[in-house]
Amino acid sequence: MIGKNNITFHEEQQFRQVWIWILLLSISLLFISFMVQQFIVGRPFGVPLIFGVIFGFGFPIFFYILNLTTELRDDGLYIRFFPLHLSFHKIPLEDLKRHEVRIYNPIMEYGGWGIKYGKMGKAYNVSGNRGVQLEFTDGKRLLIGSQKPEQLDSAITQYLKNHDKNEFNIKERREAI
């Protein structure tokens, strides 16, 4: 197997939008204030400690380390949405019908950012409204959000050129014989 050493495209994206952090930190500070009132001031507030820890500290830390990594290697396209995916998931390009850079509406088409399912198929995205739309021969669609969609699309084009098309279309080749 050709491994990580032969990466032709690499991109890491994180949730760094200001509006997300204002919302997260506001909620975090609210829950931290609940904990301070209960445990330092001694005034019962009714919010269990576990909620204070989760919402006060856990969510901001989780969102800080959450990242989407996209790699195109010599043996295929790989996605990892860490820490939800501890290892990379291979996206098979053998059955890729077409691919294109496109602008999309993350909220209307997929219900927001993250690992999403919508009317246009599955999406991996963390910010922005640009990405590469993949369409497979079985009709499934996958959108990969990217801050560098032209580079990703170009790398996919080059990948497909570098691999024998007959290797990807064995069924079609057999039918033609």
C-alpha atoms as a PDB file:
ATOM      1  CA  MET A   1       0.000   0.000   0.000  1.00  0.00           C
ATOM      2  CA  ILE A   2       1.233   3.468  -0.845  1.00  0.00           C
ATOM      3  CA  GLY A   3       1.075   5.460   2.350  1.00  0.00           C
ATOM      4  CA  LYS A   4       0.998   8.935   3.774  1.00  0.00           C
ATOM      5  CA  ASN A   5       4.444   9.686   2.374  1.00  0.00           C
ATOM      6  CA  ASN A   6       3.026  10.393  -1.095  1.00  0.00           C
ATOM      7  CA  ILE A   7       0.586  13.214  -0.398  1.00  0.00           C
ATOM      8  CA  THR A   8      -0.196  15.445  -3.389  1.00  0.00           C
ATOM      9  CA  PHE A   9      -2.785  17.624  -1.594  1.00  0.00           C
ATOM     10  CA  HIS A  10      -3.137  18.375   2.110  1.00  0.00           C
ATOM     11  CA  GLU A  11      -5.478  20.786   3.871  1.00  0.00           C
ATOM     12  CA  GLU A  12      -6.417  21.187   7.515  1.00  0.00           C
ATOM     13  CA  GLN A  13      -9.377  23.328   8.495  1.00  0.00           C
ATOM     14  CA  GLN A  14     -10.660  24.252  11.920  1.00  0.00           C
ATOM     15  CA  PHE A  15     -13.678  26.017  13.343  1.00  0.00           C
ATOM     16  CA  ARG A  16     -12.171  29.488  13.777  1.00  0.00           C
ATOM     17  CA  GLN A  17     -15.139  31.667  12.820  1.00  0.00           C
ATOM     18  CA  VAL A  18     -15.487  34.572  15.255  1.00  0.00           C
ATOM     19  CA  TRP A  19     -19.270  34.180  15.587  1.00  0.00           C
ATOM     20  CA  ILE A  20     -18.924  30.524  16.646  1.00  0.00           C
ATOM     21  CA  TRP A  21     -16.358  31.418  19.311  1.00  0.00           C
ATOM     22  CA  ILE A  22     -18.432  34.324  20.639  1.00  0.00           C
ATOM     23  CA  LEU A  23     -21.400  31.953  20.993  1.00  0.00           C
ATOM     24  CA  LEU A  24     -19.326  29.120  22.496  1.00  0.00           C
ATOM     25  CA  LEU A  25     -17.480  31.324  24.963  1.00  0.00           C
ATOM     26  CA  SER A  26     -20.690  33.104  26.011  1.00  0.00           C
ATOM     27  CA  ILE A  27     -22.320  29.766  26.840  1.00  0.00           C
ATOM     28  CA  SER A  28     -19.105  28.613  28.483  1.00  0.00           C
ATOM     29  CA  LEU A  29     -18.895  31.691  30.705  1.00  0.00           C
ATOM     30  CA  LEU A  30     -22.548  31.307  31.650  1.00  0.00           C
ATOM     31  CA  PHE A  31     -21.994  27.751  32.877  1.00  0.00           C
ATOM     32  CA  ILE A  32     -18.743  28.682  34.618  1.00  0.00           C
ATOM     33  CA  SER A  33     -20.642  31.434  36.444  1.00  0.00           C
ATOM     34  CA  PHE A  34     -23.215  28.810  37.522  1.00  0.00           C
ATOM     35  CA  MET A  35     -20.397  26.696  38.945  1.00  0.00           C
ATOM     36  CA  VAL A  36     -18.850  29.693  40.733  1.00  0.00           C
ATOM     37  CA  GLN A  37     -22.207  30.571  42.311  1.00  0.00           C
ATOM     38  CA  GLN A  38     -22.729  27.019  43.535  1.00  0.00           C
ATOM     39  CA  PHE A  39     -19.290  26.009  44.710  1.00  0.00           C
ATOM     40  CA  ILE A  40     -17.467  29.220  45.613  1.00  0.00           C
ATOM     41  CA  VAL A  41     -20.253  31.573  46.670  1.00  0.00           C
ATOM     42  CA  GLY A  42     -22.253  28.679  48.107  1.00  0.00           C
ATOM     43  CA  ARG A  43     -25.558  29.663  46.538  1.00  0.00           C
ATOM     44  CA  PRO A  44     -27.367  26.624  45.035  1.00  0.00           C
ATOM     45  CA  PHE A  45     -28.242  27.205  41.411  1.00  0.00           C
ATOM     46  CA  GLY A  46     -29.762  23.902  40.312  1.00  0.00           C
ATOM     47  CA  VAL A  47     -27.344  23.098  37.496  1.00  0.00           C
ATOM     48  CA  PRO A  48     -25.439  19.852  38.117  1.00  0.00           C
ATOM     49  CA  LEU A  49     -21.666  20.089  38.149  1.00  0.00           C
ATOM     50  CA  ILE A  50     -21.351  17.799  35.133  1.00  0.00           C
ATOM     51  CA  PHE A  51     -23.222  20.313  32.940  1.00  0.00           C
ATOM     52  CA  GLY A  52     -20.924  23.083  34.109  1.00  0.00           C
ATOM     53  CA  VAL A  53     -17.863  21.031  33.259  1.00  0.00           C
ATOM     54  CA  ILE A  54     -19.223  19.891  29.875  1.00  0.00           C
ATOM     55  CA  PHE A  55     -20.551  23.250  28.708  1.00  0.00           C
ATOM     56  CA  GLY A  56     -18.051  25.422  30.557  1.00  0.00           C
ATOM     57  CA  PHE A  57     -14.894  23.614  29.537  1.00  0.00           C
ATOM     58  CA  GLY A  58     -15.620  20.545  27.391  1.00  0.00           C
ATOM     59  CA  PHE A  59     -17.338  22.144  24.389  1.00  0.00           C
ATOM     60  CA  PRO A  60     -14.798  24.941  23.891  1.00  0.00           C
ATOM     61  CA  ILE A  61     -11.939  22.439  24.101  1.00  0.00           C
ATOM     62  CA  PHE A  62     -13.759  20.043  21.750  1.00  0.00           C
ATOM     63  CA  PHE A  63     -14.371  22.778  19.158  1.00  0.00           C
ATOM     64  CA  TYR A  64     -10.783  23.985  19.457  1.00  0.00           C
ATOM     65  CA  ILE A  65      -9.334  20.571  18.593  1.00  0.00           C
ATOM     66  CA  LEU A  66     -12.032  19.678  16.022  1.00  0.00           C
ATOM     67  CA  ASN A  67     -10.515  19.767  12.541  1.00  0.00           C
ATOM     68  CA  LEU A  68     -11.113  18.516   9.030  1.00  0.00           C
ATOM     69  CA  THR A  69      -8.094  17.108   7.223  1.00  0.00           C
ATOM     70  CA  THR A  70      -8.280  16.343   3.513  1.00  0.00           C
ATOM     71  CA  GLU A  71      -5.471  14.492   1.769  1.00  0.00           C
ATOM     72  CA  LEU A  72      -5.043  13.225  -1.746  1.00  0.00           C
ATOM     73  CA  ARG A  73      -2.456  10.456  -1.702  1.00  0.00           C
ATOM     74  CA  ASP A  74      -1.095   8.216  -4.406  1.00  0.00           C
ATOM     75  CA  ASP A  75      -3.718   5.603  -3.519  1.00  0.00           C
ATOM     76  CA  GLY A  76      -6.802   7.821  -3.104  1.00  0.00           C
ATOM     77  CA  LEU A  77      -8.619  10.622  -1.330  1.00  0.00           C
ATOM     78  CA  TYR A  78      -8.714  10.620   2.474  1.00  0.00           C
ATOM     79  CA  ILE A  79     -10.827  12.564   4.967  1.00  0.00           C
ATOM     80  CA  ARG A  80     -10.527  12.786   8.740  1.00  0.00           C
ATOM     81  CA  PHE A  81     -12.791  14.849  10.982  1.00  0.00           C
ATOM     82  CA  PHE A  82     -10.764  14.643  14.191  1.00  0.00           C
ATOM     83  CA  PRO A  83     -11.655  13.726  16.978  1.00  0.00           C
ATOM     84  CA  LEU A  84     -14.833  12.186  15.519  1.00  0.00           C
ATOM     85  CA  HIS A  85     -12.674  10.126  13.147  1.00  0.00           C
ATOM     86  CA  LEU A  86      -9.557   8.818  14.833  1.00  0.00           C
ATOM     87  CA  SER A  87      -8.221   7.502  11.531  1.00  0.00           C
ATOM     88  CA  PHE A  88      -8.591   8.631   7.941  1.00  0.00           C
ATOM     89  CA  HIS A  89     -11.554   7.463   5.860  1.00  0.00           C
ATOM     90  CA  LYS A  90     -10.720   6.610   2.272  1.00  0.00           C
ATOM     91  CA  ILE A  91     -13.002   8.032  -0.402  1.00  0.00           C
ATOM     92  CA  PRO A  92     -12.751   5.637  -3.376  1.00  0.00           C
ATOM     93  CA  LEU A  93     -12.113   7.503  -6.615  1.00  0.00           C
ATOM     94  CA  GLU A  94     -12.481   4.359  -8.700  1.00  0.00           C
ATOM     95  CA  ASP A  95     -16.180   5.074  -9.223  1.00  0.00           C
ATOM     96  CA  LEU A  96     -15.899   8.846  -9.558  1.00  0.00           C
ATOM     97  CA  LYS A  97     -18.154  10.043 -12.357  1.00  0.00           C
ATOM     98  CA  ARG A  98     -17.353  13.754 -12.133  1.00  0.00           C
ATOM     99  CA  HIS A  99     -16.004  16.449  -9.848  1.00  0.00           C
ATOM    100  CA  GLU A 100     -16.208  20.224  -9.810  1.00  0.00           C
ATOM    101  CA  VAL A 101     -15.504  23.273  -7.690  1.00  0.00           C
ATOM    102  CA  ARG A 102     -18.711  24.857  -6.533  1.00  0.00           C
ATOM    103  CA  ILE A 103     -20.205  27.445  -4.238  1.00  0.00           C
ATOM    104  CA  TYR A 104     -22.860  26.040  -1.929  1.00  0.00           C
ATOM    105  CA  ASN A 105     -25.142  27.214   0.846  1.00  0.00           C
ATOM    106  CA  PRO A 106     -24.098  25.201   3.920  1.00  0.00           C
ATOM    107  CA  ILE A 107     -27.222  26.020   5.929  1.00  0.00           C
ATOM    108  CA  MET A 108     -29.829  25.588   3.192  1.00  0.00           C
ATOM    109  CA  GLU A 109     -28.266  22.557   1.484  1.00  0.00           C
ATOM    110  CA  TYR A 110     -26.787  20.667   4.433  1.00  0.00           C
ATOM    111  CA  GLY A 111     -28.125  22.234   7.632  1.00  0.00           C
ATOM    112  CA  GLY A 112     -24.817  23.854   8.601  1.00  0.00           C
ATOM    113  CA  TRP A 113     -21.208  22.788   9.010  1.00  0.00           C
ATOM    114  CA  GLY A 114     -19.690  19.511  10.147  1.00  0.00           C
ATOM    115  CA  ILE A 115     -20.427  16.047   8.804  1.00  0.00           C
ATOM    116  CA  LYS A 116     -23.804  16.667   7.230  1.00  0.00           C
ATOM    117  CA  TYR A 117     -26.385  14.946   5.097  1.00  0.00           C
ATOM    118  CA  GLY A 118     -28.692  16.955   2.875  1.00  0.00           C
ATOM    119  CA  LYS A 119     -30.620  16.974  -0.370  1.00  0.00           C
ATOM    120  CA  MET A 120     -27.320  17.179  -2.251  1.00  0.00           C
ATOM    121  CA  GLY A 121     -25.774  14.171  -0.477  1.00  0.00           C
ATOM    122  CA  LYS A 122     -23.135  14.070   2.237  1.00  0.00           C
ATOM    123  CA  ALA A 123     -20.828  16.951   3.130  1.00  0.00           C
ATOM    124  CA  TYR A 124     -17.701  17.438   5.176  1.00  0.00           C
ATOM    125  CA  ASN A 125     -17.178  21.118   5.915  1.00  0.00           C
ATOM    126  CA  VAL A 126     -16.091  23.462   8.689  1.00  0.00           C
ATOM    127  CA  SER A 127     -16.296  26.957   7.253  1.00  0.00           C
ATOM    128  CA  GLY A 128     -17.091  28.962   4.178  1.00  0.00           C
ATOM    129  CA  ASN A 129     -19.241  28.108   1.209  1.00  0.00           C
ATOM    130  CA  ARG A 130     -16.801  26.667  -1.318  1.00  0.00           C
ATOM    131  CA  GLY A 131     -15.770  23.115  -1.972  1.00  0.00           C
ATOM    132  CA  VAL A 132     -15.381  20.267  -4.421  1.00  0.00           C
ATOM    133  CA  GLN A 133     -18.498  18.310  -5.352  1.00  0.00           C
ATOM    134  CA  LEU A 134     -17.864  14.654  -6.129  1.00  0.00           C
ATOM    135  CA  GLU A 135     -20.441  12.568  -7.960  1.00  0.00           C
ATOM    136  CA  PHE A 136     -20.064   8.805  -8.169  1.00  0.00           C
ATOM    137  CA  THR A 137     -21.363   6.317 -10.723  1.00  0.00           C
ATOM    138  CA  ASP A 138     -23.895   4.973  -8.189  1.00  0.00           C
ATOM    139  CA  GLY A 139     -25.466   8.461  -7.980  1.00  0.00           C
ATOM    140  CA  LYS A 140     -24.089   9.285  -4.527  1.00  0.00           C
ATOM    141  CA  ARG A 141     -22.712  12.766  -4.015  1.00  0.00           C
ATOM    142  CA  LEU A 142     -20.092  14.031  -1.597  1.00  0.00           C
ATOM    143  CA  LEU A 143     -19.117  17.628  -0.996  1.00  0.00           C
ATOM    144  CA  ILE A 144     -15.746  18.381   0.568  1.00  0.00           C
ATOM    145  CA  GLY A 145     -15.635  21.938   1.885  1.00  0.00           C
ATOM    146  CA  SER A 146     -12.295  23.585   1.249  1.00  0.00           C
ATOM    147  CA  GLN A 147     -10.515  26.893   1.543  1.00  0.00           C
ATOM    148  CA  LYS A 148      -8.479  25.746  -1.485  1.00  0.00           C
ATOM    149  CA  PRO A 149     -11.114  24.093  -3.720  1.00  0.00           C
ATOM    150  CA  GLU A 150      -9.333  24.849  -7.007  1.00  0.00           C
ATOM    151  CA  GLN A 151      -6.165  23.154  -5.743  1.00  0.00           C
ATOM    152  CA  LEU A 152      -8.103  20.115  -4.507  1.00  0.00           C
ATOM    153  CA  ASP A 153     -10.015  19.829  -7.777  1.00  0.00           C
ATOM    154  CA  SER A 154      -6.794  20.163  -9.774  1.00  0.00           C
ATOM    155  CA  ALA A 155      -5.123  17.488  -7.625  1.00  0.00           C
ATOM    156  CA  ILE A 156      -8.071  15.134  -8.235  1.00  0.00           C
ATOM    157  CA  THR A 157      -7.837  15.792 -11.984  1.00  0.00           C
ATOM    158  CA  GLN A 158      -4.111  15.034 -11.917  1.00  0.00           C
ATOM    159  CA  TYR A 159      -4.707  11.912  -9.821  1.00  0.00           C
ATOM    160  CA  LEU A 160      -7.195  10.596 -12.374  1.00  0.00           C
ATOM    161  CA  LYS A 161      -4.796  11.364 -15.247  1.00  0.00           C
ATOM    162  CA  ASN A 162      -1.962   9.540 -13.480  1.00  0.00           C
ATOM    163  CA  HIS A 163      -4.009   6.390 -12.958  1.00  0.00           C
ATOM    164  CA  ASP A 164      -4.941   4.164 -15.854  1.00  0.00           C
ATOM    165  CA  LYS A 165      -8.554   4.936 -16.651  1.00  0.00           C
ATOM    166  CA  ASN A 166      -9.032   1.284 -17.499  1.00  0.00           C
ATOM    167  CA  GLU A 167      -8.095   0.509 -13.906  1.00  0.00           C
ATOM    168  CA  PHE A 168     -11.106   2.560 -12.799  1.00  0.00           C
ATOM    169  CA  ASN A 169     -13.461   1.295 -15.469  1.00  0.00           C
ATOM    170  CA  ILE A 170     -12.854  -2.443 -15.393  1.00  0.00           C
ATOM    171  CA  LYS A 171     -16.585  -3.146 -15.857  1.00  0.00           C
ATOM    172  CA  GLU A 172     -16.782  -0.934 -18.947  1.00  0.00           C
ATOM    173  CA  ARG A 173     -13.602  -2.462 -20.376  1.00  0.00           C
ATOM    174  CA  ARG A 174     -14.951  -6.000 -19.911  1.00  0.00           C
ATOM    175  CA  GLU A 175     -18.233  -5.078 -21.595  1.00  0.00           C
ATOM    176  CA  ALA A 176     -16.399  -3.637 -24.599  1.00  0.00           C
ATOM    177  CA  ILE A 177     -14.390  -6.843 -25.188  1.00  0.00           C
END
